[in-house]
Amino acid sequence: MTTLATASTDDNAGAAYMQDIPAEQPWSRILKRGQTLRIVDSEGQQAVDALLYCSDDPAERYSAQDTLRVQGSAYIELGTRLVSNKGRVMARITADSCGRHDTSAGCCSCESNAVRFGEPTKYQHACRENFILELSKHGLTKRDIVANLNFFMNVPIDPSGNFTVVDGISGPGNYVDITAEMDVLFVISNCPQVNNPCNGFNPTPIRVLIRDPAAL
């Protein structure tokens, strides 16, 4: 049985921006250097897929491979530096009440749903489609989608390198803080997956807050 992380009470004080993101929906915003984005798992066990791009040059974007290589760790945790494909630090994990997050399992798509769960699931909503929709608002296309972050998603990796998506460990109110080290376009898909346990088979809302450096 999976043990949930200790539930945390989210503190909205000092937030310059706050938004509840409905289940299954995308969101995006430019974070200025020094601003901190807090993602809150409002009801628990909700995966949040994310992409980062340098807002001045979107050709520079989050690199899962470089992030894992620099850290020497298979997971995203407190203190992790999120590294770009140009080797620069885009953001850091500066607070985390969940414990660890994934950047290996990728995002769900209509095509991968059909392969994994059968042809009838092909037309279910998926994170890749959310990313395509949200990126289009910033002049980007599906060609700009790269291997992504999965906040609150529990993907154990065994010594042989095998991994699988299992029940999430985040409890209601758990959060992760990401502090920007450059101006970044931060794109979220509040994961709509219902065929594996990443969302407890029941997608739910999340909350995002942005704090300026003076409020931290």
N, C-alpha and C. Protein backbone atom coordinates (compact mmCIF):
# COMPACT_ATOMS: atom_id res chain seq x y z
N MET A 1 0.85 -1.20 0.00
CA MET A 1 0.00 0.00 0.00
C MET A 1 0.88 1.25 0.00
N THR A 2 0.58 2.20 -0.86
CA THR A 2 1.36 3.43 -0.95
C THR A 2 1.02 4.36 0.20
N THR A 3 2.06 4.91 0.84
CA THR A 3 1.86 5.87 1.92
C THR A 3 1.91 7.28 1.37
N LEU A 4 0.88 8.06 1.64
CA LEU A 4 0.85 9.43 1.16
C LEU A 4 1.79 10.30 1.98
N ALA A 5 2.37 11.30 1.32
CA ALA A 5 3.17 12.29 2.03
C ALA A 5 2.29 13.04 3.01
N THR A 6 2.91 13.57 4.04
CA THR A 6 2.16 14.32 5.04
C THR A 6 1.45 15.50 4.40
N ALA A 7 0.16 15.60 4.65
CA ALA A 7 -0.61 16.71 4.08
C ALA A 7 -0.08 18.03 4.60
N SER A 8 -0.11 19.04 3.74
CA SER A 8 0.42 20.35 4.10
C SER A 8 -0.66 21.40 3.93
N THR A 9 -0.63 22.41 4.76
CA THR A 9 -1.56 23.52 4.62
C THR A 9 -0.92 24.59 3.76
N ASP A 10 -1.55 24.92 2.65
CA ASP A 10 -0.99 25.92 1.74
C ASP A 10 -1.21 27.31 2.30
N ASP A 11 -0.17 28.13 2.24
CA ASP A 11 -0.22 29.51 2.71
C ASP A 11 -0.30 30.42 1.50
N ASN A 12 -1.45 31.09 1.31
CA ASN A 12 -1.64 31.96 0.15
C ASN A 12 -1.10 33.37 0.39
N ALA A 13 -0.66 33.66 1.60
CA ALA A 13 -0.23 35.02 1.93
C ALA A 13 0.94 35.44 1.06
N GLY A 14 0.88 36.66 0.58
CA GLY A 14 1.99 37.21 -0.19
C GLY A 14 2.00 36.83 -1.65
N ALA A 15 1.02 36.09 -2.10
CA ALA A 15 0.99 35.68 -3.51
C ALA A 15 0.59 36.86 -4.39
N ALA A 16 1.38 37.11 -5.43
CA ALA A 16 1.05 38.16 -6.40
C ALA A 16 0.05 37.66 -7.42
N TYR A 17 -0.08 36.34 -7.51
CA TYR A 17 -0.97 35.72 -8.50
C TYR A 17 -1.43 34.39 -7.93
N MET A 18 -2.69 34.06 -8.14
CA MET A 18 -3.22 32.77 -7.71
C MET A 18 -4.29 32.32 -8.69
N GLN A 19 -4.26 31.05 -9.04
CA GLN A 19 -5.23 30.53 -10.00
C GLN A 19 -5.49 29.06 -9.70
N ASP A 20 -6.76 28.69 -9.66
CA ASP A 20 -7.13 27.28 -9.59
C ASP A 20 -7.26 26.75 -11.01
N ILE A 21 -6.57 25.67 -11.31
CA ILE A 21 -6.61 25.06 -12.63
C ILE A 21 -7.53 23.85 -12.57
N PRO A 22 -8.62 23.85 -13.34
CA PRO A 22 -9.55 22.72 -13.29
C PRO A 22 -8.90 21.41 -13.69
N ALA A 23 -9.50 20.32 -13.30
CA ALA A 23 -9.03 19.00 -13.72
C ALA A 23 -8.94 18.94 -15.24
N GLU A 24 -7.86 18.34 -15.72
CA GLU A 24 -7.65 18.03 -17.15
C GLU A 24 -7.27 19.22 -18.01
N GLN A 25 -7.07 20.41 -17.42
CA GLN A 25 -6.87 21.61 -18.22
C GLN A 25 -5.41 22.08 -18.23
N PRO A 26 -5.00 22.85 -19.27
CA PRO A 26 -3.66 23.42 -19.33
C PRO A 26 -3.60 24.82 -18.74
N TRP A 27 -2.38 25.31 -18.57
CA TRP A 27 -2.13 26.66 -18.04
C TRP A 27 -0.72 27.05 -18.43
N SER A 28 -0.47 28.35 -18.58
CA SER A 28 0.90 28.81 -18.83
C SER A 28 1.05 30.25 -18.36
N ARG A 29 2.29 30.61 -18.06
CA ARG A 29 2.59 31.98 -17.65
C ARG A 29 4.10 32.18 -17.68
N ILE A 30 4.53 33.41 -17.92
CA ILE A 30 5.95 33.72 -17.88
C ILE A 30 6.34 34.08 -16.45
N LEU A 31 7.31 33.36 -15.92
CA LEU A 31 7.88 33.66 -14.60
C LEU A 31 9.11 34.52 -14.79
N LYS A 32 9.17 35.64 -14.10
CA LYS A 32 10.35 36.48 -14.14
C LYS A 32 11.43 35.90 -13.21
N ARG A 33 12.67 36.17 -13.55
CA ARG A 33 13.77 35.68 -12.73
C ARG A 33 13.56 36.09 -11.28
N GLY A 34 13.68 35.14 -10.38
CA GLY A 34 13.51 35.39 -8.96
C GLY A 34 12.11 35.09 -8.45
N GLN A 35 11.11 35.05 -9.34
CA GLN A 35 9.76 34.69 -8.91
C GLN A 35 9.68 33.20 -8.60
N THR A 36 8.79 32.86 -7.69
CA THR A 36 8.60 31.47 -7.30
C THR A 36 7.18 31.03 -7.62
N LEU A 37 7.08 29.93 -8.35
CA LEU A 37 5.79 29.31 -8.65
C LEU A 37 5.56 28.18 -7.66
N ARG A 38 4.44 28.23 -6.97
CA ARG A 38 4.04 27.12 -6.11
C ARG A 38 2.91 26.36 -6.80
N ILE A 39 3.07 25.06 -6.94
CA ILE A 39 2.02 24.19 -7.47
C ILE A 39 1.47 23.39 -6.30
N VAL A 40 0.17 23.48 -6.08
CA VAL A 40 -0.47 22.82 -4.95
C VAL A 40 -1.36 21.68 -5.46
N ASP A 41 -1.13 20.49 -4.94
CA ASP A 41 -1.99 19.34 -5.24
C ASP A 41 -3.19 19.43 -4.31
N SER A 42 -4.24 20.07 -4.78
CA SER A 42 -5.34 20.47 -3.89
C SER A 42 -6.02 19.30 -3.20
N GLU A 43 -6.23 18.20 -3.92
CA GLU A 43 -6.97 17.07 -3.36
C GLU A 43 -6.12 15.82 -3.17
N GLY A 44 -4.89 15.85 -3.65
CA GLY A 44 -3.98 14.72 -3.48
C GLY A 44 -3.96 13.78 -4.67
N GLN A 45 -2.79 13.16 -4.90
CA GLN A 45 -2.59 12.16 -5.95
C GLN A 45 -2.95 12.69 -7.35
N GLN A 46 -2.56 13.92 -7.65
CA GLN A 46 -2.81 14.50 -8.97
C GLN A 46 -1.48 14.81 -9.65
N ALA A 47 -1.21 14.17 -10.78
CA ALA A 47 0.01 14.44 -11.54
C ALA A 47 -0.11 15.76 -12.29
N VAL A 48 1.00 16.50 -12.34
CA VAL A 48 1.04 17.79 -13.03
C VAL A 48 2.23 17.77 -13.99
N ASP A 49 1.95 17.68 -15.29
CA ASP A 49 3.00 17.67 -16.30
C ASP A 49 3.43 19.11 -16.59
N ALA A 50 4.73 19.31 -16.82
CA ALA A 50 5.22 20.68 -17.01
C ALA A 50 6.38 20.74 -18.00
N LEU A 51 6.44 21.88 -18.71
CA LEU A 51 7.53 22.21 -19.63
C LEU A 51 8.02 23.62 -19.32
N LEU A 52 9.31 23.86 -19.53
CA LEU A 52 9.90 25.19 -19.33
C LEU A 52 10.65 25.61 -20.58
N TYR A 53 10.52 26.89 -20.93
CA TYR A 53 11.23 27.47 -22.07
C TYR A 53 11.81 28.81 -21.64
N CYS A 54 12.99 29.14 -22.14
CA CYS A 54 13.53 30.48 -21.96
C CYS A 54 12.61 31.45 -22.70
N SER A 55 12.06 32.43 -22.00
CA SER A 55 11.07 33.30 -22.65
C SER A 55 11.70 34.19 -23.72
N ASP A 56 13.01 34.47 -23.61
CA ASP A 56 13.69 35.30 -24.60
C ASP A 56 14.10 34.50 -25.84
N ASP A 57 14.30 33.20 -25.67
CA ASP A 57 14.73 32.33 -26.77
C ASP A 57 14.18 30.93 -26.51
N PRO A 58 12.95 30.65 -26.98
CA PRO A 58 12.31 29.36 -26.69
C PRO A 58 13.06 28.14 -27.23
N ALA A 59 14.06 28.36 -28.10
CA ALA A 59 14.88 27.24 -28.55
C ALA A 59 15.68 26.66 -27.38
N GLU A 60 15.86 27.47 -26.34
CA GLU A 60 16.44 26.97 -25.10
C GLU A 60 15.30 26.53 -24.21
N ARG A 61 15.29 25.25 -23.87
CA ARG A 61 14.17 24.71 -23.09
C ARG A 61 14.66 23.63 -22.13
N TYR A 62 13.78 23.24 -21.24
CA TYR A 62 14.10 22.23 -20.23
C TYR A 62 14.64 20.96 -20.87
N SER A 63 15.68 20.42 -20.27
CA SER A 63 16.27 19.16 -20.72
C SER A 63 16.25 18.16 -19.57
N ALA A 64 15.40 17.14 -19.69
CA ALA A 64 15.35 16.11 -18.66
C ALA A 64 16.69 15.38 -18.56
N GLN A 65 17.31 15.11 -19.71
CA GLN A 65 18.57 14.38 -19.71
C GLN A 65 19.66 15.15 -18.97
N ASP A 66 19.81 16.44 -19.28
CA ASP A 66 20.85 17.23 -18.63
C ASP A 66 20.56 17.45 -17.16
N THR A 67 19.28 17.59 -16.82
CA THR A 67 18.90 17.75 -15.42
C THR A 67 19.29 16.53 -14.60
N LEU A 68 19.00 15.34 -15.11
CA LEU A 68 19.34 14.12 -14.38
C LEU A 68 20.86 13.92 -14.33
N ARG A 69 21.53 14.24 -15.42
CA ARG A 69 22.99 14.08 -15.46
C ARG A 69 23.68 14.99 -14.45
N VAL A 70 23.27 16.24 -14.41
CA VAL A 70 23.90 17.20 -13.50
C VAL A 70 23.66 16.82 -12.04
N GLN A 71 22.44 16.35 -11.74
CA GLN A 71 22.10 16.00 -10.37
C GLN A 71 22.69 14.66 -9.94
N GLY A 72 22.86 13.75 -10.92
CA GLY A 72 23.25 12.40 -10.57
C GLY A 72 22.15 11.68 -9.82
N SER A 73 20.91 12.04 -10.13
CA SER A 73 19.74 11.45 -9.46
C SER A 73 18.65 11.20 -10.47
N ALA A 74 17.87 10.14 -10.25
CA ALA A 74 16.79 9.80 -11.18
C ALA A 74 15.50 10.54 -10.89
N TYR A 75 15.47 11.30 -9.79
CA TYR A 75 14.23 11.96 -9.38
C TYR A 75 14.43 13.47 -9.24
N ILE A 76 13.33 14.18 -9.26
CA ILE A 76 13.31 15.62 -9.00
C ILE A 76 12.94 15.81 -7.53
N GLU A 77 13.80 16.51 -6.79
CA GLU A 77 13.63 16.64 -5.35
C GLU A 77 14.00 18.06 -4.91
N LEU A 78 13.84 18.31 -3.61
CA LEU A 78 14.26 19.59 -3.05
C LEU A 78 15.73 19.85 -3.40
N GLY A 79 15.99 21.04 -3.95
CA GLY A 79 17.35 21.40 -4.33
C GLY A 79 17.72 21.10 -5.76
N THR A 80 16.88 20.33 -6.47
CA THR A 80 17.18 19.99 -7.86
C THR A 80 17.25 21.25 -8.72
N ARG A 81 18.26 21.33 -9.57
CA ARG A 81 18.38 22.40 -10.56
C ARG A 81 17.77 21.91 -11.86
N LEU A 82 16.84 22.65 -12.41
CA LEU A 82 16.22 22.31 -13.69
C LEU A 82 17.06 22.94 -14.79
N VAL A 83 17.71 22.10 -15.58
CA VAL A 83 18.75 22.53 -16.51
C VAL A 83 18.22 22.55 -17.94
N SER A 84 18.67 23.52 -18.72
CA SER A 84 18.24 23.64 -20.11
C SER A 84 19.12 22.81 -21.04
N ASN A 85 18.70 22.74 -22.31
CA ASN A 85 19.49 22.04 -23.32
C ASN A 85 20.78 22.79 -23.67
N LYS A 86 20.96 23.98 -23.11
CA LYS A 86 22.21 24.73 -23.27
C LYS A 86 23.06 24.69 -22.01
N GLY A 87 22.63 23.86 -21.05
CA GLY A 87 23.42 23.66 -19.84
C GLY A 87 23.24 24.72 -18.78
N ARG A 88 22.28 25.61 -18.96
CA ARG A 88 22.06 26.67 -17.97
C ARG A 88 20.95 26.26 -17.00
N VAL A 89 21.05 26.76 -15.78
CA VAL A 89 20.01 26.49 -14.79
C VAL A 89 18.82 27.40 -15.06
N MET A 90 17.66 26.81 -15.33
CA MET A 90 16.45 27.57 -15.61
C MET A 90 15.69 27.89 -14.33
N ALA A 91 15.69 26.94 -13.39
CA ALA A 91 14.93 27.10 -12.15
C ALA A 91 15.45 26.09 -11.14
N ARG A 92 15.04 26.28 -9.89
CA ARG A 92 15.42 25.36 -8.82
C ARG A 92 14.19 24.97 -8.01
N ILE A 93 14.22 23.76 -7.47
CA ILE A 93 13.18 23.33 -6.53
C ILE A 93 13.57 23.86 -5.16
N THR A 94 12.82 24.82 -4.65
CA THR A 94 13.21 25.51 -3.42
C THR A 94 12.36 25.13 -2.21
N ALA A 95 11.27 24.41 -2.42
CA ALA A 95 10.47 23.86 -1.32
C ALA A 95 9.69 22.69 -1.89
N ASP A 96 9.46 21.69 -1.04
CA ASP A 96 8.78 20.48 -1.53
C ASP A 96 8.23 19.71 -0.35
N SER A 97 6.92 19.61 -0.26
CA SER A 97 6.31 18.86 0.84
C SER A 97 5.87 17.47 0.41
N CYS A 98 6.16 17.09 -0.83
CA CYS A 98 5.78 15.77 -1.32
C CYS A 98 6.92 14.77 -1.15
N GLY A 99 8.11 15.13 -1.61
CA GLY A 99 9.25 14.24 -1.42
C GLY A 99 10.04 13.99 -2.68
N ARG A 100 9.36 13.65 -3.77
CA ARG A 100 10.07 13.46 -5.03
C ARG A 100 9.08 13.51 -6.18
N HIS A 101 9.63 13.77 -7.37
CA HIS A 101 8.82 13.93 -8.58
C HIS A 101 9.55 13.26 -9.74
N ASP A 102 8.85 13.10 -10.85
CA ASP A 102 9.38 12.32 -11.99
C ASP A 102 9.75 13.21 -13.16
N THR A 103 10.75 12.77 -13.93
CA THR A 103 11.02 13.41 -15.22
C THR A 103 11.45 12.37 -16.25
N SER A 104 11.03 11.11 -16.05
CA SER A 104 11.41 10.02 -16.95
C SER A 104 10.25 9.45 -17.74
N ALA A 105 9.05 9.50 -17.20
CA ALA A 105 7.92 8.77 -17.80
C ALA A 105 7.21 9.52 -18.92
N GLY A 106 7.56 10.80 -19.14
CA GLY A 106 6.95 11.53 -20.24
C GLY A 106 5.50 11.90 -19.99
N CYS A 107 4.84 12.36 -21.05
CA CYS A 107 3.43 12.76 -20.94
C CYS A 107 2.55 11.79 -21.71
N CYS A 108 1.30 11.69 -21.28
CA CYS A 108 0.35 10.83 -22.00
C CYS A 108 -0.06 11.52 -23.30
N SER A 109 -0.44 10.71 -24.27
CA SER A 109 -0.93 11.21 -25.56
C SER A 109 -2.02 10.28 -26.05
N CYS A 110 -2.78 10.71 -27.02
CA CYS A 110 -3.82 9.85 -27.59
C CYS A 110 -3.22 8.57 -28.14
N GLU A 111 -2.06 8.71 -28.80
CA GLU A 111 -1.42 7.55 -29.41
C GLU A 111 -0.89 6.57 -28.37
N SER A 112 -0.22 7.09 -27.34
CA SER A 112 0.31 6.19 -26.31
C SER A 112 -0.82 5.55 -25.51
N ASN A 113 -1.91 6.27 -25.30
CA ASN A 113 -3.06 5.67 -24.63
C ASN A 113 -3.56 4.46 -25.42
N ALA A 114 -3.66 4.61 -26.74
CA ALA A 114 -4.16 3.52 -27.58
C ALA A 114 -3.24 2.31 -27.51
N VAL A 115 -1.93 2.55 -27.50
CA VAL A 115 -0.97 1.44 -27.44
C VAL A 115 -1.02 0.75 -26.09
N ARG A 116 -1.08 1.53 -25.03
CA ARG A 116 -1.00 0.96 -23.68
C ARG A 116 -2.32 0.39 -23.19
N PHE A 117 -3.41 1.06 -23.53
CA PHE A 117 -4.69 0.73 -22.89
C PHE A 117 -5.78 0.29 -23.87
N GLY A 118 -5.46 0.24 -25.16
CA GLY A 118 -6.43 -0.23 -26.13
C GLY A 118 -6.99 0.88 -27.00
N GLU A 119 -7.39 0.52 -28.19
CA GLU A 119 -7.87 1.48 -29.19
C GLU A 119 -9.01 2.37 -28.70
N PRO A 120 -9.95 1.88 -27.88
CA PRO A 120 -11.05 2.75 -27.43
C PRO A 120 -10.59 3.97 -26.63
N THR A 121 -9.37 3.95 -26.08
CA THR A 121 -8.89 5.09 -25.30
C THR A 121 -8.22 6.16 -26.16
N LYS A 122 -8.09 5.91 -27.46
CA LYS A 122 -7.35 6.82 -28.34
C LYS A 122 -7.91 8.23 -28.34
N TYR A 123 -9.20 8.36 -28.14
CA TYR A 123 -9.84 9.68 -28.26
C TYR A 123 -10.05 10.35 -26.90
N GLN A 124 -9.46 9.78 -25.87
CA GLN A 124 -9.51 10.45 -24.57
C GLN A 124 -8.53 11.62 -24.55
N HIS A 125 -8.87 12.64 -23.79
CA HIS A 125 -8.01 13.82 -23.66
C HIS A 125 -6.68 13.42 -23.04
N ALA A 126 -5.59 14.09 -23.43
CA ALA A 126 -4.27 13.72 -22.95
C ALA A 126 -3.38 14.95 -22.80
N CYS A 127 -2.27 14.78 -22.07
CA CYS A 127 -1.37 15.91 -21.79
C CYS A 127 -0.73 16.47 -23.06
N ARG A 128 -0.37 15.61 -24.00
CA ARG A 128 0.26 16.12 -25.22
C ARG A 128 -0.67 17.11 -25.92
N GLU A 129 -1.94 16.80 -25.96
CA GLU A 129 -2.90 17.70 -26.59
C GLU A 129 -3.03 19.01 -25.80
N ASN A 130 -2.98 18.91 -24.48
CA ASN A 130 -2.97 20.13 -23.65
C ASN A 130 -1.75 20.98 -23.96
N PHE A 131 -0.59 20.34 -24.07
CA PHE A 131 0.63 21.09 -24.38
C PHE A 131 0.53 21.77 -25.75
N ILE A 132 0.04 21.06 -26.75
CA ILE A 132 -0.09 21.64 -28.09
C ILE A 132 -0.98 22.88 -28.04
N LEU A 133 -2.10 22.78 -27.35
CA LEU A 133 -3.03 23.90 -27.24
C LEU A 133 -2.38 25.09 -26.54
N GLU A 134 -1.72 24.84 -25.43
CA GLU A 134 -1.16 25.94 -24.64
C GLU A 134 0.06 26.56 -25.32
N LEU A 135 0.89 25.74 -25.93
CA LEU A 135 2.07 26.26 -26.62
C LEU A 135 1.68 27.14 -27.80
N SER A 136 0.55 26.84 -28.44
CA SER A 136 0.11 27.63 -29.59
C SER A 136 -0.15 29.08 -29.21
N LYS A 137 -0.46 29.34 -27.94
CA LYS A 137 -0.69 30.70 -27.48
C LYS A 137 0.61 31.52 -27.45
N HIS A 138 1.73 30.83 -27.52
CA HIS A 138 3.03 31.49 -27.43
C HIS A 138 3.85 31.31 -28.71
N GLY A 139 3.18 30.96 -29.80
CA GLY A 139 3.85 30.81 -31.09
C GLY A 139 4.67 29.55 -31.23
N LEU A 140 4.45 28.57 -30.36
CA LEU A 140 5.17 27.31 -30.41
C LEU A 140 4.24 26.20 -30.91
N THR A 141 4.82 25.09 -31.35
CA THR A 141 4.04 24.00 -31.93
C THR A 141 4.41 22.68 -31.27
N LYS A 142 3.79 21.60 -31.76
CA LYS A 142 4.08 20.28 -31.20
C LYS A 142 5.54 19.87 -31.40
N ARG A 143 6.22 20.48 -32.34
CA ARG A 143 7.65 20.20 -32.53
C ARG A 143 8.48 20.69 -31.36
N ASP A 144 7.91 21.58 -30.56
CA ASP A 144 8.63 22.15 -29.42
C ASP A 144 8.41 21.38 -28.12
N ILE A 145 7.62 20.32 -28.17
CA ILE A 145 7.39 19.50 -26.97
C ILE A 145 8.60 18.59 -26.76
N VAL A 146 9.13 18.62 -25.56
CA VAL A 146 10.28 17.78 -25.20
C VAL A 146 9.91 16.92 -23.99
N ALA A 147 10.84 16.06 -23.58
CA ALA A 147 10.61 15.26 -22.38
C ALA A 147 10.33 16.19 -21.20
N ASN A 148 9.27 15.93 -20.49
CA ASN A 148 8.73 16.88 -19.52
C ASN A 148 8.93 16.44 -18.07
N LEU A 149 8.60 17.36 -17.18
CA LEU A 149 8.52 17.09 -15.75
C LEU A 149 7.15 16.56 -15.40
N ASN A 150 7.09 15.70 -14.38
CA ASN A 150 5.81 15.21 -13.85
C ASN A 150 5.80 15.42 -12.34
N PHE A 151 5.31 16.58 -11.92
CA PHE A 151 5.24 16.85 -10.50
C PHE A 151 4.18 15.97 -9.85
N PHE A 152 4.48 15.49 -8.64
CA PHE A 152 3.60 14.64 -7.83
C PHE A 152 3.38 13.25 -8.43
N MET A 153 4.06 12.91 -9.51
CA MET A 153 3.87 11.59 -10.12
C MET A 153 4.90 10.62 -9.55
N ASN A 154 4.44 9.45 -9.15
CA ASN A 154 5.27 8.46 -8.48
C ASN A 154 5.69 7.39 -9.48
N VAL A 155 6.97 7.41 -9.86
CA VAL A 155 7.49 6.47 -10.86
C VAL A 155 8.77 5.83 -10.32
N PRO A 156 8.64 4.78 -9.50
CA PRO A 156 9.83 4.12 -8.97
C PRO A 156 10.67 3.52 -10.10
N ILE A 157 11.99 3.63 -9.96
CA ILE A 157 12.93 3.07 -10.93
C ILE A 157 13.78 2.02 -10.21
N ASP A 158 13.81 0.79 -10.75
CA ASP A 158 14.57 -0.26 -10.08
C ASP A 158 16.03 -0.24 -10.55
N PRO A 159 16.90 -1.03 -9.92
CA PRO A 159 18.33 -1.00 -10.26
C PRO A 159 18.62 -1.34 -11.72
N SER A 160 17.70 -2.03 -12.38
CA SER A 160 17.90 -2.38 -13.79
C SER A 160 17.45 -1.27 -14.73
N GLY A 161 16.86 -0.21 -14.18
CA GLY A 161 16.38 0.89 -15.00
C GLY A 161 14.94 0.77 -15.43
N ASN A 162 14.26 -0.27 -14.98
CA ASN A 162 12.84 -0.42 -15.30
C ASN A 162 12.01 0.49 -14.40
N PHE A 163 10.94 1.05 -14.95
CA PHE A 163 10.08 1.88 -14.12
C PHE A 163 8.62 1.69 -14.51
N THR A 164 7.75 2.05 -13.59
CA THR A 164 6.32 1.97 -13.84
C THR A 164 5.62 3.06 -13.06
N VAL A 165 4.47 3.49 -13.55
CA VAL A 165 3.66 4.49 -12.86
C VAL A 165 2.81 3.79 -11.81
N VAL A 166 2.93 4.22 -10.56
CA VAL A 166 2.16 3.61 -9.47
C VAL A 166 1.39 4.70 -8.74
N ASP A 167 0.68 4.31 -7.68
CA ASP A 167 -0.12 5.27 -6.91
C ASP A 167 0.73 6.45 -6.46
N GLY A 168 0.17 7.64 -6.57
CA GLY A 168 0.87 8.84 -6.12
C GLY A 168 1.05 8.87 -4.61
N ILE A 169 2.04 9.63 -4.15
CA ILE A 169 2.29 9.74 -2.71
C ILE A 169 1.91 11.11 -2.16
N SER A 170 1.46 12.02 -3.02
CA SER A 170 1.13 13.37 -2.54
C SER A 170 -0.25 13.39 -1.89
N GLY A 171 -0.34 14.06 -0.75
CA GLY A 171 -1.60 14.20 -0.05
C GLY A 171 -2.24 15.54 -0.35
N PRO A 172 -3.49 15.74 0.05
CA PRO A 172 -4.16 17.02 -0.18
C PRO A 172 -3.37 18.18 0.43
N GLY A 173 -3.11 19.19 -0.40
CA GLY A 173 -2.38 20.36 0.06
C GLY A 173 -0.88 20.29 -0.10
N ASN A 174 -0.34 19.15 -0.49
CA ASN A 174 1.10 19.09 -0.75
C ASN A 174 1.46 20.04 -1.88
N TYR A 175 2.68 20.57 -1.82
CA TYR A 175 3.08 21.57 -2.81
C TYR A 175 4.54 21.41 -3.18
N VAL A 176 4.90 22.03 -4.29
CA VAL A 176 6.29 22.14 -4.71
C VAL A 176 6.52 23.57 -5.18
N ASP A 177 7.65 24.17 -4.78
CA ASP A 177 8.01 25.53 -5.18
C ASP A 177 9.14 25.47 -6.20
N ILE A 178 8.97 26.21 -7.29
CA ILE A 178 9.98 26.30 -8.35
C ILE A 178 10.36 27.76 -8.50
N THR A 179 11.62 28.09 -8.22
CA THR A 179 12.09 29.47 -8.31
C THR A 179 12.86 29.67 -9.61
N ALA A 180 12.45 30.65 -10.40
CA ALA A 180 13.05 30.89 -11.72
C ALA A 180 14.43 31.51 -11.59
N GLU A 181 15.39 30.97 -12.33
CA GLU A 181 16.75 31.52 -12.40
C GLU A 181 16.95 32.36 -13.66
N MET A 182 15.96 32.38 -14.52
CA MET A 182 15.91 33.22 -15.71
C MET A 182 14.44 33.46 -16.01
N ASP A 183 14.12 34.35 -16.92
CA ASP A 183 12.72 34.51 -17.32
C ASP A 183 12.31 33.26 -18.10
N VAL A 184 11.29 32.56 -17.61
CA VAL A 184 10.90 31.30 -18.23
C VAL A 184 9.40 31.28 -18.54
N LEU A 185 9.07 30.66 -19.65
CA LEU A 185 7.69 30.32 -19.95
C LEU A 185 7.43 28.97 -19.31
N PHE A 186 6.49 28.93 -18.37
CA PHE A 186 6.17 27.71 -17.63
C PHE A 186 4.82 27.21 -18.12
N VAL A 187 4.79 26.00 -18.64
CA VAL A 187 3.57 25.43 -19.23
C VAL A 187 3.17 24.19 -18.43
N ILE A 188 1.89 24.11 -18.08
CA ILE A 188 1.36 23.01 -17.27
C ILE A 188 0.23 22.31 -18.01
N SER A 189 0.21 20.98 -17.88
CA SER A 189 -0.99 20.20 -18.19
C SER A 189 -1.42 19.52 -16.91
N ASN A 190 -2.59 19.87 -16.40
CA ASN A 190 -3.13 19.18 -15.23
C ASN A 190 -3.65 17.83 -15.73
N CYS A 191 -2.87 16.81 -15.52
CA CYS A 191 -2.99 15.54 -16.25
C CYS A 191 -4.40 14.94 -16.23
N PRO A 192 -4.94 14.60 -17.42
CA PRO A 192 -6.28 14.02 -17.51
C PRO A 192 -6.31 12.49 -17.52
N GLN A 193 -5.17 11.85 -17.30
CA GLN A 193 -5.09 10.39 -17.43
C GLN A 193 -6.02 9.67 -16.46
N VAL A 194 -6.79 8.71 -16.99
CA VAL A 194 -7.70 7.92 -16.14
C VAL A 194 -7.43 6.42 -16.26
N ASN A 195 -6.39 6.04 -17.01
CA ASN A 195 -6.13 4.63 -17.28
C ASN A 195 -4.99 4.04 -16.46
N ASN A 196 -4.25 4.89 -15.75
CA ASN A 196 -3.24 4.39 -14.81
C ASN A 196 -3.38 5.19 -13.51
N PRO A 197 -2.69 4.77 -12.44
CA PRO A 197 -2.96 5.37 -11.12
C PRO A 197 -2.28 6.70 -10.85
N CYS A 198 -1.70 7.37 -11.86
CA CYS A 198 -0.97 8.61 -11.57
C CYS A 198 -1.87 9.68 -10.96
N ASN A 199 -3.17 9.63 -11.26
CA ASN A 199 -4.14 10.58 -10.70
C ASN A 199 -5.15 9.88 -9.80
N GLY A 200 -4.82 8.69 -9.35
CA GLY A 200 -5.80 7.94 -8.58
C GLY A 200 -7.04 7.60 -9.39
N PHE A 201 -6.88 7.55 -10.73
CA PHE A 201 -7.97 7.28 -11.67
C PHE A 201 -9.09 8.32 -11.59
N ASN A 202 -8.76 9.49 -11.04
CA ASN A 202 -9.77 10.54 -10.86
C ASN A 202 -9.10 11.90 -10.91
N PRO A 203 -8.93 12.50 -12.09
CA PRO A 203 -8.28 13.81 -12.19
C PRO A 203 -8.99 14.88 -11.37
N THR A 204 -8.20 15.72 -10.70
CA THR A 204 -8.75 16.74 -9.80
C THR A 204 -8.06 18.09 -10.03
N PRO A 205 -8.62 19.18 -9.50
CA PRO A 205 -8.02 20.51 -9.70
C PRO A 205 -6.70 20.66 -8.94
N ILE A 206 -5.92 21.64 -9.39
CA ILE A 206 -4.71 22.05 -8.68
C ILE A 206 -4.76 23.57 -8.51
N ARG A 207 -3.85 24.10 -7.74
CA ARG A 207 -3.74 25.56 -7.56
C ARG A 207 -2.31 25.98 -7.85
N VAL A 208 -2.17 27.13 -8.50
CA VAL A 208 -0.84 27.71 -8.71
C VAL A 208 -0.80 29.09 -8.09
N LEU A 209 0.34 29.42 -7.48
CA LEU A 209 0.56 30.73 -6.89
C LEU A 209 1.93 31.22 -7.34
N ILE A 210 2.05 32.52 -7.54
CA ILE A 210 3.33 33.12 -7.89
C ILE A 210 3.66 34.18 -6.85
N ARG A 211 4.88 34.11 -6.32
CA ARG A 211 5.34 35.09 -5.34
C ARG A 211 6.56 35.83 -5.90
N ASP A 212 6.58 37.13 -5.67
CA ASP A 212 7.75 37.92 -6.03
C ASP A 212 8.83 37.73 -4.98
N PRO A 213 10.09 37.99 -5.32
CA PRO A 213 11.18 37.78 -4.35
C PRO A 213 10.97 38.48 -3.02
N ALA A 214 10.42 39.69 -3.03
CA ALA A 214 10.24 40.45 -1.79
C ALA A 214 9.25 39.79 -0.85
N ALA A 215 8.37 38.92 -1.39
CA ALA A 215 7.34 38.29 -0.57
C ALA A 215 7.79 36.96 0.00
N LEU A 216 8.99 36.52 -0.36
CA LEU A 216 9.45 35.20 0.06
C LEU A 216 10.10 35.26 1.44
